[in-house]
Structures are given as structure tokens and as C-alpha cells.
Amino acid sequence: MLALTNPQKRHLKALAHHRRPVVIIGDSGVTPAVTHEILLTLDHHELIKIRVNAEDRETRERMIAKICAATDATLVQRIGHIVTLFRRNHEMPRIELP
């Protein structure tokens, strides 16, 4: 995982503000198909929002940790059920960090 500085996090939060969640995790949880879709989306966009529909906070936290570990993504922010993740695409970087 990439360690982000506070200015970098602020920059990524500003970029993600108007984006909508591109992946929604439902009752089945973090399945291999969902993980694969997240990987593809991170490769293309680098910065994505995910909606995690889990009833309690502990389950949501476990799902987010599992996603970050499986995709090597960095958690930028979490607001309620919406999570913003960032993973640098080294072949074709799309977002410049300060």
C-alpha cells in the first residue's frame, strides 16, 4: 500500500468529491467477482468510490480491510457506507499527486 501524505489525501478527496460509487458490494460480501471488478476499475481510474452495504460498522470495517489487502489499494477516506480508494497505475498514471 502507498502511504499518502495529508496534502495528497486532501487532493484525492477533492478529486473524488463529485464521483459516484462505481462498485456496490451487496449481501454476498466481497466475492472474487467483486474483487476482480475493483481491480479492473482501479487499473483504469486509479481513484474510485465503493459503496459497502453492510449492516454494522464492524462488518463494514472488515470488508474494507479485505478489499484494501486484496487490491493493494490505499484507503483515502470513509464516509458512512462510501469508501474512496486509490491505487497508482504504474504503466499509465492518470492522477498526479502533489
PDB file of N, CA and C in Angstrom:
ATOM      1  N   MET A   1       0.822  -1.184   0.000  1.00  0.00           N
ATOM      2  CA  MET A   1       0.000   0.000   0.000  1.00  0.00           C
ATOM      3  C   MET A   1       0.868   1.251   0.000  1.00  0.00           C
ATOM      4  N   LEU A   2       0.391   2.241  -0.680  1.00  0.00           N
ATOM      5  CA  LEU A   2       1.072   3.515  -0.783  1.00  0.00           C
ATOM      6  C   LEU A   2       0.729   4.372   0.432  1.00  0.00           C
ATOM      7  N   ALA A   3       1.727   4.940   1.070  1.00  0.00           N
ATOM      8  CA  ALA A   3       1.493   5.849   2.189  1.00  0.00           C
ATOM      9  C   ALA A   3       1.286   7.244   1.625  1.00  0.00           C
ATOM     10  N   LEU A   4       0.145   7.830   1.930  1.00  0.00           N
ATOM     11  CA  LEU A   4      -0.194   9.155   1.413  1.00  0.00           C
ATOM     12  C   LEU A   4       0.034  10.209   2.484  1.00  0.00           C
ATOM     13  N   THR A   5       0.543  11.355   2.056  1.00  0.00           N
ATOM     14  CA  THR A   5       0.689  12.485   2.966  1.00  0.00           C
ATOM     15  C   THR A   5      -0.667  13.192   3.072  1.00  0.00           C
ATOM     16  N   ASN A   6      -0.794  14.083   4.045  1.00  0.00           N
ATOM     17  CA  ASN A   6      -2.056  14.808   4.212  1.00  0.00           C
ATOM     18  C   ASN A   6      -2.401  15.673   2.995  1.00  0.00           C
ATOM     19  N   PRO A   7      -1.448  16.393   2.394  1.00  0.00           N
ATOM     20  CA  PRO A   7      -1.794  17.155   1.186  1.00  0.00           C
ATOM     21  C   PRO A   7      -2.245  16.247   0.032  1.00  0.00           C
ATOM     22  N   GLN A   8      -1.631  15.073  -0.087  1.00  0.00           N
ATOM     23  CA  GLN A   8      -2.045  14.138  -1.134  1.00  0.00           C
ATOM     24  C   GLN A   8      -3.457  13.625  -0.880  1.00  0.00           C
ATOM     25  N   LYS A   9      -3.771  13.315   0.381  1.00  0.00           N
ATOM     26  CA  LYS A   9      -5.129  12.869   0.715  1.00  0.00           C
ATOM     27  C   LYS A   9      -6.149  13.964   0.427  1.00  0.00           C
ATOM     28  N   ARG A  10      -5.828  15.201   0.779  1.00  0.00           N
ATOM     29  CA  ARG A  10      -6.733  16.321   0.507  1.00  0.00           C
ATOM     30  C   ARG A  10      -6.984  16.460  -0.983  1.00  0.00           C
ATOM     31  N   HIS A  11      -5.932  16.322  -1.772  1.00  0.00           N
ATOM     32  CA  HIS A  11      -6.046  16.418  -3.226  1.00  0.00           C
ATOM     33  C   HIS A  11      -6.944  15.303  -3.772  1.00  0.00           C
ATOM     34  N   LEU A  12      -6.734  14.084  -3.306  1.00  0.00           N
ATOM     35  CA  LEU A  12      -7.533  12.953  -3.775  1.00  0.00           C
ATOM     36  C   LEU A  12      -8.989  13.070  -3.324  1.00  0.00           C
ATOM     37  N   LYS A  13      -9.212  13.561  -2.120  1.00  0.00           N
ATOM     38  CA  LYS A  13     -10.587  13.763  -1.643  1.00  0.00           C
ATOM     39  C   LYS A  13     -11.312  14.786  -2.511  1.00  0.00           C
ATOM     40  N   ALA A  14     -10.606  15.844  -2.886  1.00  0.00           N
ATOM     41  CA  ALA A  14     -11.213  16.863  -3.748  1.00  0.00           C
ATOM     42  C   ALA A  14     -11.549  16.284  -5.119  1.00  0.00           C
ATOM     43  N   LEU A  15     -10.665  15.459  -5.666  1.00  0.00           N
ATOM     44  CA  LEU A  15     -10.932  14.835  -6.959  1.00  0.00           C
ATOM     45  C   LEU A  15     -12.094  13.851  -6.879  1.00  0.00           C
ATOM     46  N   ALA A  16     -12.229  13.172  -5.760  1.00  0.00           N
ATOM     47  CA  ALA A  16     -13.264  12.143  -5.617  1.00  0.00           C
ATOM     48  C   ALA A  16     -14.622  12.710  -5.231  1.00  0.00           C
ATOM     49  N   HIS A  17     -14.670  13.956  -4.818  1.00  0.00           N
ATOM     50  CA  HIS A  17     -15.903  14.531  -4.277  1.00  0.00           C
ATOM     51  C   HIS A  17     -17.114  14.356  -5.198  1.00  0.00           C
ATOM     52  N   HIS A  18     -16.979  14.625  -6.472  1.00  0.00           N
ATOM     53  CA  HIS A  18     -18.120  14.582  -7.387  1.00  0.00           C
ATOM     54  C   HIS A  18     -18.312  13.225  -8.048  1.00  0.00           C
ATOM     55  N   ARG A  19     -17.457  12.282  -7.738  1.00  0.00           N
ATOM     56  CA  ARG A  19     -17.591  10.945  -8.342  1.00  0.00           C
ATOM     57  C   ARG A  19     -18.656  10.146  -7.611  1.00  0.00           C
ATOM     58  N   ARG A  20     -19.237   9.211  -8.345  1.00  0.00           N
ATOM     59  CA  ARG A  20     -20.226   8.312  -7.770  1.00  0.00           C
ATOM     60  C   ARG A  20     -19.567   6.944  -7.541  1.00  0.00           C
ATOM     61  N   PRO A  21     -20.130   6.153  -6.623  1.00  0.00           N
ATOM     62  CA  PRO A  21     -19.578   4.807  -6.423  1.00  0.00           C
ATOM     63  C   PRO A  21     -19.690   3.981  -7.706  1.00  0.00           C
ATOM     64  N   VAL A  22     -18.596   3.347  -8.088  1.00  0.00           N
ATOM     65  CA  VAL A  22     -18.582   2.543  -9.311  1.00  0.00           C
ATOM     66  C   VAL A  22     -18.780   1.070  -9.019  1.00  0.00           C
ATOM     67  N   VAL A  23     -18.567   0.666  -7.771  1.00  0.00           N
ATOM     68  CA  VAL A  23     -18.796  -0.709  -7.356  1.00  0.00           C
ATOM     69  C   VAL A  23     -19.658  -0.667  -6.105  1.00  0.00           C
ATOM     70  N   ILE A  24     -20.679  -1.539  -6.077  1.00  0.00           N
ATOM     71  CA  ILE A  24     -21.547  -1.634  -4.912  1.00  0.00           C
ATOM     72  C   ILE A  24     -21.461  -3.060  -4.386  1.00  0.00           C
ATOM     73  N   ILE A  25     -21.099  -3.195  -3.122  1.00  0.00           N
ATOM     74  CA  ILE A  25     -20.970  -4.506  -2.508  1.00  0.00           C
ATOM     75  C   ILE A  25     -22.258  -4.780  -1.748  1.00  0.00           C
ATOM     76  N   GLY A  26     -22.933  -5.854  -2.133  1.00  0.00           N
ATOM     77  CA  GLY A  26     -24.225  -6.188  -1.554  1.00  0.00           C
ATOM     78  C   GLY A  26     -24.149  -7.237  -0.468  1.00  0.00           C
ATOM     79  N   ASP A  27     -25.216  -8.015  -0.362  1.00  0.00           N
ATOM     80  CA  ASP A  27     -25.344  -9.012   0.699  1.00  0.00           C
ATOM     81  C   ASP A  27     -24.330 -10.147   0.594  1.00  0.00           C
ATOM     82  N   SER A  28     -23.846 -10.432  -0.604  1.00  0.00           N
ATOM     83  CA  SER A  28     -22.894 -11.533  -0.789  1.00  0.00           C
ATOM     84  C   SER A  28     -21.503 -11.185  -0.273  1.00  0.00           C
ATOM     85  N   GLY A  29     -21.244  -9.930  -0.028  1.00  0.00           N
ATOM     86  CA  GLY A  29     -19.953  -9.510   0.507  1.00  0.00           C
ATOM     87  C   GLY A  29     -18.895  -9.372  -0.570  1.00  0.00           C
ATOM     88  N   VAL A  30     -17.654  -9.513  -0.156  1.00  0.00           N
ATOM     89  CA  VAL A  30     -16.518  -9.346  -1.064  1.00  0.00           C
ATOM     90  C   VAL A  30     -16.238 -10.701  -1.724  1.00  0.00           C
ATOM     91  N   THR A  31     -16.840 -10.913  -2.869  1.00  0.00           N
ATOM     92  CA  THR A  31     -16.662 -12.158  -3.614  1.00  0.00           C
ATOM     93  C   THR A  31     -15.481 -12.002  -4.573  1.00  0.00           C
ATOM     94  N   PRO A  32     -14.980 -13.100  -5.130  1.00  0.00           N
ATOM     95  CA  PRO A  32     -13.910 -12.989  -6.124  1.00  0.00           C
ATOM     96  C   PRO A  32     -14.308 -12.135  -7.329  1.00  0.00           C
ATOM     97  N   ALA A  33     -15.561 -12.199  -7.728  1.00  0.00           N
ATOM     98  CA  ALA A  33     -16.021 -11.395  -8.859  1.00  0.00           C
ATOM     99  C   ALA A  33     -15.986  -9.903  -8.524  1.00  0.00           C
ATOM    100  N   VAL A  34     -16.382  -9.555  -7.323  1.00  0.00           N
ATOM    101  CA  VAL A  34     -16.354  -8.153  -6.891  1.00  0.00           C
ATOM    102  C   VAL A  34     -14.909  -7.667  -6.799  1.00  0.00           C
ATOM    103  N   THR A  35     -14.037  -8.493  -6.251  1.00  0.00           N
ATOM    104  CA  THR A  35     -12.625  -8.132  -6.153  1.00  0.00           C
ATOM    105  C   THR A  35     -12.021  -7.921  -7.535  1.00  0.00           C
ATOM    106  N   HIS A  36     -12.363  -8.786  -8.470  1.00  0.00           N
ATOM    107  CA  HIS A  36     -11.868  -8.654  -9.839  1.00  0.00           C
ATOM    108  C   HIS A  36     -12.357  -7.345 -10.470  1.00  0.00           C
ATOM    109  N   GLU A  37     -13.614  -7.015 -10.260  1.00  0.00           N
ATOM    110  CA  GLU A  37     -14.163  -5.762 -10.802  1.00  0.00           C
ATOM    111  C   GLU A  37     -13.473  -4.545 -10.194  1.00  0.00           C
ATOM    112  N   ILE A  38     -13.184  -4.596  -8.897  1.00  0.00           N
ATOM    113  CA  ILE A  38     -12.482  -3.496  -8.233  1.00  0.00           C
ATOM    114  C   ILE A  38     -11.073  -3.341  -8.810  1.00  0.00           C
ATOM    115  N   LEU A  39     -10.388  -4.465  -9.037  1.00  0.00           N
ATOM    116  CA  LEU A  39      -9.054  -4.424  -9.624  1.00  0.00           C
ATOM    117  C   LEU A  39      -9.072  -3.789 -11.012  1.00  0.00           C
ATOM    118  N   LEU A  40     -10.034  -4.191 -11.836  1.00  0.00           N
ATOM    119  CA  LEU A  40     -10.144  -3.615 -13.181  1.00  0.00           C
ATOM    120  C   LEU A  40     -10.430  -2.122 -13.122  1.00  0.00           C
ATOM    121  N   THR A  41     -11.313  -1.733 -12.240  1.00  0.00           N
ATOM    122  CA  THR A  41     -11.694  -0.320 -12.121  1.00  0.00           C
ATOM    123  C   THR A  41     -10.527   0.515 -11.595  1.00  0.00           C
ATOM    124  N   LEU A  42      -9.781  -0.012 -10.636  1.00  0.00           N
ATOM    125  CA  LEU A  42      -8.607   0.703 -10.131  1.00  0.00           C
ATOM    126  C   LEU A  42      -7.543   0.855 -11.210  1.00  0.00           C
ATOM    127  N   ASP A  43      -7.363  -0.185 -12.034  1.00  0.00           N
ATOM    128  CA  ASP A  43      -6.392  -0.095 -13.129  1.00  0.00           C
ATOM    129  C   ASP A  43      -6.760   1.031 -14.089  1.00  0.00           C
ATOM    130  N   HIS A  44      -8.042   1.201 -14.319  1.00  0.00           N
ATOM    131  CA  HIS A  44      -8.485   2.197 -15.292  1.00  0.00           C
ATOM    132  C   HIS A  44      -8.571   3.599 -14.705  1.00  0.00           C
ATOM    133  N   HIS A  45      -9.083   3.734 -13.482  1.00  0.00           N
ATOM    134  CA  HIS A  45      -9.359   5.063 -12.917  1.00  0.00           C
ATOM    135  C   HIS A  45      -8.367   5.521 -11.852  1.00  0.00           C
ATOM    136  N   GLU A  46      -7.734   4.615 -11.151  1.00  0.00           N
ATOM    137  CA  GLU A  46      -6.830   4.871 -10.030  1.00  0.00           C
ATOM    138  C   GLU A  46      -7.559   5.333  -8.764  1.00  0.00           C
ATOM    139  N   LEU A  47      -8.566   6.144  -8.888  1.00  0.00           N
ATOM    140  CA  LEU A  47      -9.302   6.677  -7.743  1.00  0.00           C
ATOM    141  C   LEU A  47     -10.770   6.301  -7.911  1.00  0.00           C
ATOM    142  N   ILE A  48     -11.298   5.507  -6.977  1.00  0.00           N
ATOM    143  CA  ILE A  48     -12.684   5.053  -7.114  1.00  0.00           C
ATOM    144  C   ILE A  48     -13.414   5.165  -5.781  1.00  0.00           C
ATOM    145  N   LYS A  49     -14.731   5.177  -5.892  1.00  0.00           N
ATOM    146  CA  LYS A  49     -15.590   5.096  -4.721  1.00  0.00           C
ATOM    147  C   LYS A  49     -16.323   3.762  -4.768  1.00  0.00           C
ATOM    148  N   ILE A  50     -16.483   3.171  -3.595  1.00  0.00           N
ATOM    149  CA  ILE A  50     -17.185   1.903  -3.454  1.00  0.00           C
ATOM    150  C   ILE A  50     -18.241   2.075  -2.371  1.00  0.00           C
ATOM    151  N   ARG A  51     -19.428   1.542  -2.632  1.00  0.00           N
ATOM    152  CA  ARG A  51     -20.472   1.539  -1.609  1.00  0.00           C
ATOM    153  C   ARG A  51     -20.489   0.161  -0.969  1.00  0.00           C
ATOM    154  N   VAL A  52     -20.291   0.114   0.337  1.00  0.00           N
ATOM    155  CA  VAL A  52     -20.282  -1.137   1.085  1.00  0.00           C
ATOM    156  C   VAL A  52     -21.577  -1.216   1.880  1.00  0.00           C
ATOM    157  N   ASN A  53     -22.495  -2.059   1.428  1.00  0.00           N
ATOM    158  CA  ASN A  53     -23.792  -2.198   2.091  1.00  0.00           C
ATOM    159  C   ASN A  53     -23.725  -3.290   3.150  1.00  0.00           C
ATOM    160  N   ALA A  54     -23.172  -2.947   4.289  1.00  0.00           N
ATOM    161  CA  ALA A  54     -23.110  -3.866   5.425  1.00  0.00           C
ATOM    162  C   ALA A  54     -23.882  -3.227   6.571  1.00  0.00           C
ATOM    163  N   GLU A  55     -24.574  -4.059   7.313  1.00  0.00           N
ATOM    164  CA  GLU A  55     -25.434  -3.546   8.379  1.00  0.00           C
ATOM    165  C   GLU A  55     -24.662  -2.857   9.498  1.00  0.00           C
ATOM    166  N   ASP A  56     -23.645  -3.526  10.031  1.00  0.00           N
ATOM    167  CA  ASP A  56     -22.944  -2.930  11.172  1.00  0.00           C
ATOM    168  C   ASP A  56     -21.550  -2.459  10.787  1.00  0.00           C
ATOM    169  N   ARG A  57     -21.025  -1.622  11.611  1.00  0.00           N
ATOM    170  CA  ARG A  57     -19.737  -0.973  11.348  1.00  0.00           C
ATOM    171  C   ARG A  57     -18.580  -1.969  11.334  1.00  0.00           C
ATOM    172  N   GLU A  58     -18.597  -2.949  12.224  1.00  0.00           N
ATOM    173  CA  GLU A  58     -17.507  -3.927  12.279  1.00  0.00           C
ATOM    174  C   GLU A  58     -17.420  -4.737  10.987  1.00  0.00           C
ATOM    175  N   THR A  59     -18.544  -5.159  10.468  1.00  0.00           N
ATOM    176  CA  THR A  59     -18.562  -5.911   9.215  1.00  0.00           C
ATOM    177  C   THR A  59     -18.041  -5.051   8.080  1.00  0.00           C
ATOM    178  N   ARG A  60     -18.464  -3.798   8.060  1.00  0.00           N
ATOM    179  CA  ARG A  60     -18.011  -2.854   7.032  1.00  0.00           C
ATOM    180  C   ARG A  60     -16.499  -2.672   7.107  1.00  0.00           C
ATOM    181  N   GLU A  61     -15.968  -2.527   8.317  1.00  0.00           N
ATOM    182  CA  GLU A  61     -14.527  -2.342   8.504  1.00  0.00           C
ATOM    183  C   GLU A  61     -13.748  -3.561   8.014  1.00  0.00           C
ATOM    184  N   ARG A  62     -14.252  -4.756   8.325  1.00  0.00           N
ATOM    185  CA  ARG A  62     -13.587  -5.979   7.861  1.00  0.00           C
ATOM    186  C   ARG A  62     -13.600  -6.072   6.341  1.00  0.00           C
ATOM    187  N   MET A  63     -14.727  -5.715   5.726  1.00  0.00           N
ATOM    188  CA  MET A  63     -14.834  -5.762   4.264  1.00  0.00           C
ATOM    189  C   MET A  63     -13.863  -4.774   3.622  1.00  0.00           C
ATOM    190  N   ILE A  64     -13.763  -3.585   4.174  1.00  0.00           N
ATOM    191  CA  ILE A  64     -12.854  -2.566   3.634  1.00  0.00           C
ATOM    192  C   ILE A  64     -11.409  -3.024   3.762  1.00  0.00           C
ATOM    193  N   ALA A  65     -11.054  -3.586   4.915  1.00  0.00           N
ATOM    194  CA  ALA A  65      -9.687  -4.089   5.110  1.00  0.00           C
ATOM    195  C   ALA A  65      -9.385  -5.218   4.129  1.00  0.00           C
ATOM    196  N   LYS A  66     -10.357  -6.085   3.899  1.00  0.00           N
ATOM    197  CA  LYS A  66     -10.176  -7.194   2.956  1.00  0.00           C
ATOM    198  C   LYS A  66      -9.975  -6.672   1.534  1.00  0.00           C
ATOM    199  N   ILE A  67     -10.754  -5.667   1.152  1.00  0.00           N
ATOM    200  CA  ILE A  67     -10.626  -5.074  -0.188  1.00  0.00           C
ATOM    201  C   ILE A  67      -9.250  -4.434  -0.353  1.00  0.00           C
ATOM    202  N   CYS A  68      -8.827  -3.650   0.630  1.00  0.00           N
ATOM    203  CA  CYS A  68      -7.525  -2.970   0.546  1.00  0.00           C
ATOM    204  C   CYS A  68      -6.382  -3.978   0.461  1.00  0.00           C
ATOM    205  N   ALA A  69      -6.475  -5.053   1.225  1.00  0.00           N
ATOM    206  CA  ALA A  69      -5.418  -6.062   1.203  1.00  0.00           C
ATOM    207  C   ALA A  69      -5.402  -6.819  -0.125  1.00  0.00           C
ATOM    208  N   ALA A  70      -6.578  -7.141  -0.647  1.00  0.00           N
ATOM    209  CA  ALA A  70      -6.658  -7.925  -1.882  1.00  0.00           C
ATOM    210  C   ALA A  70      -6.263  -7.125  -3.113  1.00  0.00           C
ATOM    211  N   THR A  71      -6.469  -5.811  -3.078  1.00  0.00           N
ATOM    212  CA  THR A  71      -6.212  -4.977  -4.258  1.00  0.00           C
ATOM    213  C   THR A  71      -4.962  -4.122  -4.130  1.00  0.00           C
ATOM    214  N   ASP A  72      -4.345  -4.110  -2.953  1.00  0.00           N
ATOM    215  CA  ASP A  72      -3.178  -3.273  -2.677  1.00  0.00           C
ATOM    216  C   ASP A  72      -3.518  -1.790  -2.858  1.00  0.00           C
ATOM    217  N   ALA A  73      -4.750  -1.437  -2.511  1.00  0.00           N
ATOM    218  CA  ALA A  73      -5.213  -0.053  -2.625  1.00  0.00           C
ATOM    219  C   ALA A  73      -5.071   0.652  -1.276  1.00  0.00           C
ATOM    220  N   THR A  74      -5.000   1.961  -1.338  1.00  0.00           N
ATOM    221  CA  THR A  74      -4.883   2.789  -0.142  1.00  0.00           C
ATOM    222  C   THR A  74      -6.230   3.439   0.144  1.00  0.00           C
ATOM    223  N   LEU A  75      -6.647   3.360   1.383  1.00  0.00           N
ATOM    224  CA  LEU A  75      -7.891   3.992   1.800  1.00  0.00           C
ATOM    225  C   LEU A  75      -7.662   5.495   1.910  1.00  0.00           C
ATOM    226  N   VAL A  76      -8.415   6.263   1.135  1.00  0.00           N
ATOM    227  CA  VAL A  76      -8.302   7.724   1.166  1.00  0.00           C
ATOM    228  C   VAL A  76      -9.249   8.280   2.204  1.00  0.00           C
ATOM    229  N   GLN A  77     -10.526   7.840   2.139  1.00  0.00           N
ATOM    230  CA  GLN A  77     -11.496   8.283   3.130  1.00  0.00           C
ATOM    231  C   GLN A  77     -12.668   7.328   3.180  1.00  0.00           C
ATOM    232  N   ARG A  78     -13.379   7.409   4.295  1.00  0.00           N
ATOM    233  CA  ARG A  78     -14.558   6.581   4.500  1.00  0.00           C
ATOM    234  C   ARG A  78     -15.603   7.484   5.129  1.00  0.00           C
ATOM    235  N   ILE A  79     -16.742   7.601   4.459  1.00  0.00           N
ATOM    236  CA  ILE A  79     -17.847   8.393   4.986  1.00  0.00           C
ATOM    237  C   ILE A  79     -19.087   7.507   4.932  1.00  0.00           C
ATOM    238  N   GLY A  80     -19.522   7.036   6.088  1.00  0.00           N
ATOM    239  CA  GLY A  80     -20.673   6.146   6.132  1.00  0.00           C
ATOM    240  C   GLY A  80     -20.396   4.858   5.382  1.00  0.00           C
ATOM    241  N   HIS A  81     -21.217   4.586   4.378  1.00  0.00           N
ATOM    242  CA  HIS A  81     -21.075   3.365   3.588  1.00  0.00           C
ATOM    243  C   HIS A  81     -20.191   3.560   2.356  1.00  0.00           C
ATOM    244  N   ILE A  82     -19.742   4.773   2.111  1.00  0.00           N
ATOM    245  CA  ILE A  82     -18.951   5.079   0.918  1.00  0.00           C
ATOM    246  C   ILE A  82     -17.468   5.130   1.268  1.00  0.00           C
ATOM    247  N   VAL A  83     -16.667   4.389   0.473  1.00  0.00           N
ATOM    248  CA  VAL A  83     -15.224   4.306   0.681  1.00  0.00           C
ATOM    249  C   VAL A  83     -14.528   4.812  -0.573  1.00  0.00           C
ATOM    250  N   THR A  84     -13.500   5.624  -0.404  1.00  0.00           N
ATOM    251  CA  THR A  84     -12.695   6.098  -1.521  1.00  0.00           C
ATOM    252  C   THR A  84     -11.337   5.409  -1.448  1.00  0.00           C
ATOM    253  N   LEU A  85     -10.956   4.766  -2.558  1.00  0.00           N
ATOM    254  CA  LEU A  85      -9.688   4.038  -2.635  1.00  0.00           C
ATOM    255  C   LEU A  85      -8.828   4.599  -3.753  1.00  0.00           C
ATOM    256  N   PHE A  86      -7.509   4.511  -3.559  1.00  0.00           N
ATOM    257  CA  PHE A  86      -6.549   4.954  -4.567  1.00  0.00           C
ATOM    258  C   PHE A  86      -5.487   3.883  -4.731  1.00  0.00           C
ATOM    259  N   ARG A  87      -5.162   3.598  -5.982  1.00  0.00           N
ATOM    260  CA  ARG A  87      -4.034   2.726  -6.298  1.00  0.00           C
ATOM    261  C   ARG A  87      -3.398   3.235  -7.583  1.00  0.00           C
ATOM    262  N   ARG A  88      -2.110   3.534  -7.488  1.00  0.00           N
ATOM    263  CA  ARG A  88      -1.361   4.076  -8.626  1.00  0.00           C
ATOM    264  C   ARG A  88      -1.248   3.022  -9.721  1.00  0.00           C
ATOM    265  N   ASN A  89      -1.528   3.419 -10.967  1.00  0.00           N
ATOM    266  CA  ASN A  89      -1.304   2.584 -12.139  1.00  0.00           C
ATOM    267  C   ASN A  89       0.063   2.979 -12.683  1.00  0.00           C
ATOM    268  N   HIS A  90       1.058   2.126 -12.478  1.00  0.00           N
ATOM    269  CA  HIS A  90       2.430   2.479 -12.836  1.00  0.00           C
ATOM    270  C   HIS A  90       2.657   2.501 -14.346  1.00  0.00           C
ATOM    271  N   GLU A  91       1.856   1.775 -15.094  1.00  0.00           N
ATOM    272  CA  GLU A  91       2.016   1.760 -16.552  1.00  0.00           C
ATOM    273  C   GLU A  91       1.458   3.017 -17.199  1.00  0.00           C
ATOM    274  N   MET A  92       0.298   3.469 -16.727  1.00  0.00           N
ATOM    275  CA  MET A  92      -0.350   4.666 -17.280  1.00  0.00           C
ATOM    276  C   MET A  92      -0.916   5.518 -16.149  1.00  0.00           C
ATOM    277  N   PRO A  93      -0.091   6.268 -15.430  1.00  0.00           N
ATOM    278  CA  PRO A  93      -0.618   7.098 -14.343  1.00  0.00           C
ATOM    279  C   PRO A  93      -1.588   8.160 -14.871  1.00  0.00           C
ATOM    280  N   ARG A  94      -2.702   8.303 -14.196  1.00  0.00           N
ATOM    281  CA  ARG A  94      -3.732   9.255 -14.623  1.00  0.00           C
ATOM    282  C   ARG A  94      -3.831  10.464 -13.663  1.00  0.00           C
ATOM    283  N   ILE A  95      -3.465  10.245 -12.427  1.00  0.00           N
ATOM    284  CA  ILE A  95      -3.614  11.289 -11.418  1.00  0.00           C
ATOM    285  C   ILE A  95      -2.220  11.671 -10.912  1.00  0.00           C
ATOM    286  N   GLU A  96      -1.947  12.972 -10.940  1.00  0.00           N
ATOM    287  CA  GLU A  96      -0.684  13.483 -10.399  1.00  0.00           C
ATOM    288  C   GLU A  96      -0.894  13.851  -8.940  1.00  0.00           C
ATOM    289  N   LEU A  97      -0.003  13.374  -8.103  1.00  0.00           N
ATOM    290  CA  LEU A  97      -0.073  13.706  -6.682  1.00  0.00           C
ATOM    291  C   LEU A  97       0.886  14.855  -6.373  1.00  0.00           C
ATOM    292  N   PRO A  98       0.440  15.765  -5.499  1.00  0.00           N
ATOM    293  CA  PRO A  98       1.326  16.879  -5.122  1.00  0.00           C
ATOM    294  C   PRO A  98       2.520  16.416  -4.316  1.00  0.00           C
TER     295      PRO A  98
END
